[in-house]
């Protein structure tokens, strides 16, 4: 049986131009520089990149080619990657923005982002992505947590001014000012210091009365178990696949390497 060749995703290297705290837990990096023209802007609202770190989780001090490393080195020498949404691209000023959720000093990408300086090297693969708001839908629903907030904000900005819908966004403490049409409500579900409840988003969505909203399109991304519970809601509403973008960005209690590996198992399916 013939197998489809994987598309080539070259490693792009840019440099950190500046950074800005959007709220106490979300940091924006502006990256660009002389190599910006090598970035392939695919134009989708959910465009994402995979930032590259060395096998120990540290930034490479020099430019690397991830595909070449994967083809010539044993797996233990492969780079670690962390996935983030491209919040926006500014072709005129040759830069792009990446928003990162920061929770303490654990992990790989977040500590690096907090401590990086202007001129530091950033390397990534991508972008990937394929979603845009459906212009023919009567009601636009966005659901997610902090990890999906950059993609949700990008999608809200692309809606027409007369669009109707709702965005339900779960956060630990801090929301964010996001632009949106007047007919789209933005609802913040603040969990505070309580234990994570994967049923919270689904319960909120059930109260929106989606059955009476006409043709509904959905962008729902976030914690894996929360997305599984939302899947049941959308199945009950019989929302067709072509109007549903649903996936897990992370899994409670899992580091990203484990989460990514589990995508290929039954527990990782949504």
Protein backbone atom coordinates (compact mmCIF):
# COMPACT_ATOMS: atom_id res chain seq x y z
CA UNK A 1 0.00 0.00 0.00
CA UNK A 2 1.34 3.42 -0.93
CA UNK A 3 1.77 5.95 1.86
CA UNK A 4 1.34 9.66 1.39
CA UNK A 5 4.58 11.56 1.76
CA UNK A 6 4.60 13.92 4.71
CA UNK A 7 4.64 17.58 3.67
CA UNK A 8 7.94 19.30 4.23
CA UNK A 9 7.95 21.69 7.19
CA UNK A 10 11.25 23.51 7.12
CA UNK A 11 12.65 25.04 10.27
CA UNK A 12 12.26 28.82 10.24
CA UNK A 13 14.55 30.99 12.35
CA UNK A 14 13.65 34.53 13.40
CA UNK A 15 14.66 36.74 16.29
CA UNK A 16 12.85 38.21 19.27
CA UNK A 17 12.04 41.88 18.62
CA UNK A 18 10.06 42.71 21.77
CA UNK A 19 7.69 41.26 24.35
CA UNK A 20 4.65 42.52 26.22
CA UNK A 21 2.55 41.22 29.12
CA UNK A 22 -1.11 41.20 28.01
CA UNK A 23 -2.25 40.22 31.51
CA UNK A 24 -0.48 38.61 34.49
CA UNK A 25 -0.50 35.16 32.83
CA UNK A 26 -0.19 35.85 29.10
CA UNK A 27 2.96 37.09 27.41
CA UNK A 28 3.17 38.27 23.79
CA UNK A 29 6.38 37.88 21.82
CA UNK A 30 6.93 39.91 18.65
CA UNK A 31 9.40 38.10 16.41
CA UNK A 32 10.82 38.87 12.99
CA UNK A 33 14.09 40.15 11.64
CA UNK A 34 16.09 39.74 8.41
CA UNK A 35 14.84 36.19 7.80
CA UNK A 36 11.14 37.09 8.00
CA UNK A 37 10.51 36.46 4.30
CA UNK A 38 11.18 32.76 4.90
CA UNK A 39 7.98 32.60 6.98
CA UNK A 40 5.06 31.17 5.00
CA UNK A 41 1.90 33.00 6.10
CA UNK A 42 -0.93 30.55 5.39
CA UNK A 43 -3.54 33.09 6.50
CA UNK A 44 -5.78 30.89 8.68
CA UNK A 45 -7.19 32.02 12.04
CA UNK A 46 -5.85 28.92 13.78
CA UNK A 47 -2.35 29.04 12.25
CA UNK A 48 0.13 27.46 14.65
CA UNK A 49 3.85 26.86 14.88
CA UNK A 50 5.98 24.39 16.81
CA UNK A 51 8.79 26.19 18.64
CA UNK A 52 11.99 24.13 18.71
CA UNK A 53 14.19 23.44 21.74
CA UNK A 54 17.12 21.08 22.20
CA UNK A 55 16.58 17.61 23.74
CA UNK A 56 17.08 19.10 27.23
CA UNK A 57 14.41 21.72 26.63
CA UNK A 58 16.82 24.62 26.16
CA UNK A 59 16.94 27.02 23.18
CA UNK A 60 19.48 26.13 20.53
CA UNK A 61 22.34 28.66 20.38
CA UNK A 62 22.58 28.18 16.60
CA UNK A 63 20.29 27.51 13.63
CA UNK A 64 19.20 23.88 13.21
CA UNK A 65 17.28 21.85 10.62
CA UNK A 66 14.78 19.71 12.52
CA UNK A 67 13.97 17.43 9.59
CA UNK A 68 17.66 16.68 9.05
CA UNK A 69 18.14 15.89 12.74
CA UNK A 70 15.15 13.55 12.70
CA UNK A 71 16.46 11.77 9.62
CA UNK A 72 20.05 11.34 10.84
CA UNK A 73 19.98 11.23 14.66
CA UNK A 74 18.51 8.75 17.17
CA UNK A 75 15.20 9.81 18.72
CA UNK A 76 16.80 10.82 22.03
CA UNK A 77 18.68 13.54 20.14
CA UNK A 78 15.58 14.97 18.49
CA UNK A 79 14.47 18.48 19.44
CA UNK A 80 11.56 19.10 21.81
CA UNK A 81 8.72 21.14 20.32
CA UNK A 82 5.99 23.26 21.87
CA UNK A 83 2.93 24.38 19.92
CA UNK A 84 1.58 27.95 19.85
CA UNK A 85 -0.87 29.97 17.77
CA UNK A 86 0.34 32.73 15.48
CA UNK A 87 -1.78 35.57 16.84
CA UNK A 88 -1.23 37.90 13.90
CA UNK A 89 1.18 38.55 11.03
CA UNK A 90 2.29 42.04 9.98
CA UNK A 91 3.73 41.73 6.49
CA UNK A 92 4.45 45.45 6.18
CA UNK A 93 6.63 45.55 9.30
CA UNK A 94 7.92 41.98 8.81
CA UNK A 95 6.95 40.57 12.17
CA UNK A 96 4.45 38.25 13.82
CA UNK A 97 3.03 37.81 17.32
CA UNK A 98 2.96 34.70 19.49
CA UNK A 99 0.94 34.71 22.74
CA UNK A 100 2.07 32.29 25.46
CA UNK A 101 0.28 31.31 28.67
CA UNK A 102 2.67 31.58 31.63
CA UNK A 103 2.01 29.55 34.78
CA UNK A 104 4.98 29.75 37.12
CA UNK A 105 8.48 28.73 36.09
CA UNK A 106 7.79 25.14 35.03
CA UNK A 107 7.83 23.77 31.51
CA UNK A 108 9.97 24.51 28.48
CA UNK A 109 8.64 27.39 26.36
CA UNK A 110 7.18 29.56 29.10
CA UNK A 111 10.40 30.01 31.15
CA UNK A 112 12.31 30.68 27.95
CA UNK A 113 9.77 33.31 26.85
CA UNK A 114 9.87 35.09 30.20
CA UNK A 115 13.65 35.30 30.14
CA UNK A 116 14.35 35.83 26.45
CA UNK A 117 15.85 39.11 25.28
CA UNK A 118 15.69 41.25 22.18
CA UNK A 119 17.78 39.64 19.46
CA UNK A 120 17.48 36.10 20.84
CA UNK A 121 17.03 33.31 18.31
CA UNK A 122 13.62 31.63 17.96
CA UNK A 123 13.20 28.59 15.74
CA UNK A 124 10.01 26.82 14.76
CA UNK A 125 8.34 24.50 12.30
CA UNK A 126 5.15 25.42 10.47
CA UNK A 127 2.81 27.09 10.30
CA UNK A 128 -0.01 24.57 10.15
CA UNK A 129 -3.74 25.23 10.44
CA UNK A 130 -6.82 25.16 8.23
CA UNK A 131 -9.72 26.96 9.94
CA UNK A 132 -11.54 30.19 9.13
CA UNK A 133 -14.97 31.42 10.33
CA UNK A 134 -17.81 30.13 8.15
CA UNK A 135 -19.38 33.15 6.48
CA UNK A 136 -22.66 31.31 5.81
CA UNK A 137 -23.42 30.36 9.44
CA UNK A 138 -26.16 32.10 11.43
CA UNK A 139 -24.37 31.73 14.77
CA UNK A 140 -20.66 31.50 15.53
CA UNK A 141 -19.58 29.64 18.67
CA UNK A 142 -16.07 29.79 20.09
CA UNK A 143 -15.17 27.64 23.11
CA UNK A 144 -11.85 27.10 24.85
CA UNK A 145 -9.46 27.99 27.63
CA UNK A 146 -6.33 30.14 27.82
CA UNK A 147 -4.49 27.88 25.37
CA UNK A 148 -7.14 28.57 22.70
CA UNK A 149 -7.58 32.28 23.50
CA UNK A 150 -5.14 33.54 20.81
CA UNK A 151 -6.90 31.52 18.09
CA UNK A 152 -10.34 32.52 19.39
CA UNK A 153 -9.33 36.20 19.40
CA UNK A 154 -8.00 35.89 15.84
CA UNK A 155 -11.25 34.25 14.72
CA UNK A 156 -13.42 36.89 16.39
CA UNK A 157 -11.53 39.63 14.58
CA UNK A 158 -12.33 38.04 11.23
CA UNK A 159 -16.09 37.92 11.70
CA UNK A 160 -18.23 40.42 9.78
CA UNK A 161 -19.58 43.36 11.79
CA UNK A 162 -23.13 41.98 11.73
CA UNK A 163 -22.15 38.49 12.94
CA UNK A 164 -23.99 36.84 15.83
CA UNK A 165 -22.54 34.31 18.23
CA UNK A 166 -20.87 33.65 21.54
CA UNK A 167 -17.39 33.01 22.88
CA UNK A 168 -17.11 30.98 26.08
CA UNK A 169 -13.58 31.13 27.45
CA UNK A 170 -12.36 29.45 30.63
CA UNK A 171 -9.46 31.10 32.47
CA UNK A 172 -7.76 30.56 35.80
CA UNK A 173 -8.07 34.21 36.85
CA UNK A 174 -7.51 36.80 34.15
CA UNK A 175 -9.49 37.57 31.03
CA UNK A 176 -8.35 39.73 28.16
CA UNK A 177 -9.80 42.54 26.07
CA UNK A 178 -10.69 40.97 22.73
CA UNK A 179 -12.26 42.72 19.75
CA UNK A 180 -15.55 41.21 18.62
CA UNK A 181 -18.74 42.18 16.76
CA UNK A 182 -21.52 43.69 18.86
CA UNK A 183 -23.73 40.67 18.23
CA UNK A 184 -21.20 38.23 19.68
CA UNK A 185 -21.13 37.86 23.47
CA UNK A 186 -17.85 37.07 25.22
CA UNK A 187 -18.34 35.09 28.43
CA UNK A 188 -15.50 34.40 30.85
CA UNK A 189 -15.64 31.27 32.97
CA UNK A 190 -13.22 31.86 35.87
CA UNK A 191 -12.20 28.68 37.68
CA UNK A 192 -9.95 30.38 40.23
CA UNK A 193 -7.98 27.98 42.40
CA UNK A 194 -10.50 25.16 42.20
CA UNK A 195 -9.49 21.77 40.82
CA UNK A 196 -9.86 21.58 37.05
CA UNK A 197 -13.38 20.54 36.03
CA UNK A 198 -13.53 19.22 32.45
CA UNK A 199 -17.34 19.44 32.51
CA UNK A 200 -17.48 23.20 33.12
CA UNK A 201 -17.31 24.35 29.51
CA UNK A 202 -19.87 21.80 28.33
CA UNK A 203 -22.29 22.88 31.06
CA UNK A 204 -21.94 26.51 30.00
CA UNK A 205 -22.45 25.69 26.33
CA UNK A 206 -25.58 23.65 27.09
CA UNK A 207 -27.12 26.80 28.55
CA UNK A 208 -26.72 28.82 25.34
CA UNK A 209 -29.82 27.41 23.62
CA UNK A 210 -27.91 26.52 20.48
CA UNK A 211 -30.80 24.47 19.08
CA UNK A 212 -32.65 27.74 18.45
CA UNK A 213 -29.75 29.62 16.81
CA UNK A 214 -30.14 28.40 13.25
CA UNK A 215 -27.02 27.20 11.44
CA UNK A 216 -24.25 27.01 14.07
CA UNK A 217 -20.52 26.77 13.35
CA UNK A 218 -18.12 25.84 16.14
CA UNK A 219 -14.48 26.45 16.98
CA UNK A 220 -13.74 24.52 20.19
CA UNK A 221 -10.19 23.83 21.32
CA UNK A 222 -8.56 23.34 24.71
CA UNK A 223 -8.10 20.68 27.37
CA UNK A 224 -8.61 17.16 26.01
CA UNK A 225 -11.24 15.85 28.45
CA UNK A 226 -13.19 19.12 28.23
CA UNK A 227 -13.27 18.73 24.45
CA UNK A 228 -14.55 15.16 24.79
CA UNK A 229 -17.47 16.43 26.87
CA UNK A 230 -18.15 19.15 24.33
CA UNK A 231 -18.10 16.55 21.57
CA UNK A 232 -21.13 14.92 23.22
CA UNK A 233 -22.98 18.26 23.25
CA UNK A 234 -22.27 18.91 19.57
CA UNK A 235 -23.28 15.35 18.65
CA UNK A 236 -26.64 15.91 20.36
CA UNK A 237 -27.08 19.08 18.32
CA UNK A 238 -26.12 17.19 15.16
CA UNK A 239 -23.62 19.82 14.10
CA UNK A 240 -22.01 18.44 10.93
CA UNK A 241 -18.28 17.89 10.69
CA UNK A 242 -17.79 20.60 8.09
CA UNK A 243 -19.01 23.22 10.60
CA UNK A 244 -17.09 21.86 13.58
CA UNK A 245 -13.45 22.48 14.48
CA UNK A 246 -12.75 20.52 17.67
CA UNK A 247 -9.46 19.33 19.13
CA UNK A 248 -7.37 19.12 22.27
CA UNK A 249 -4.47 21.51 22.77
CA UNK A 250 -3.34 19.93 26.04
CA UNK A 251 -4.34 17.36 28.67
CA UNK A 252 -4.67 17.97 32.39
CA UNK A 253 -1.84 16.27 34.27
CA UNK A 254 0.24 15.62 31.13
CA UNK A 255 3.34 17.35 29.82
CA UNK A 256 3.18 18.09 26.09
CA UNK A 257 5.50 15.25 25.08
CA UNK A 258 3.20 12.70 26.76
CA UNK A 259 0.08 14.45 25.47
CA UNK A 260 1.36 14.35 21.89
CA UNK A 261 2.29 10.67 22.18
CA UNK A 262 -1.17 9.83 23.54
CA UNK A 263 -2.83 11.34 20.46
CA UNK A 264 -2.04 8.06 18.71
CA UNK A 265 -3.83 6.00 21.38
CA UNK A 266 -7.48 5.56 22.37
CA UNK A 267 -7.16 7.92 25.34
CA UNK A 268 -6.03 10.70 23.02
CA UNK A 269 -8.98 10.49 20.65
CA UNK A 270 -11.71 13.13 20.89
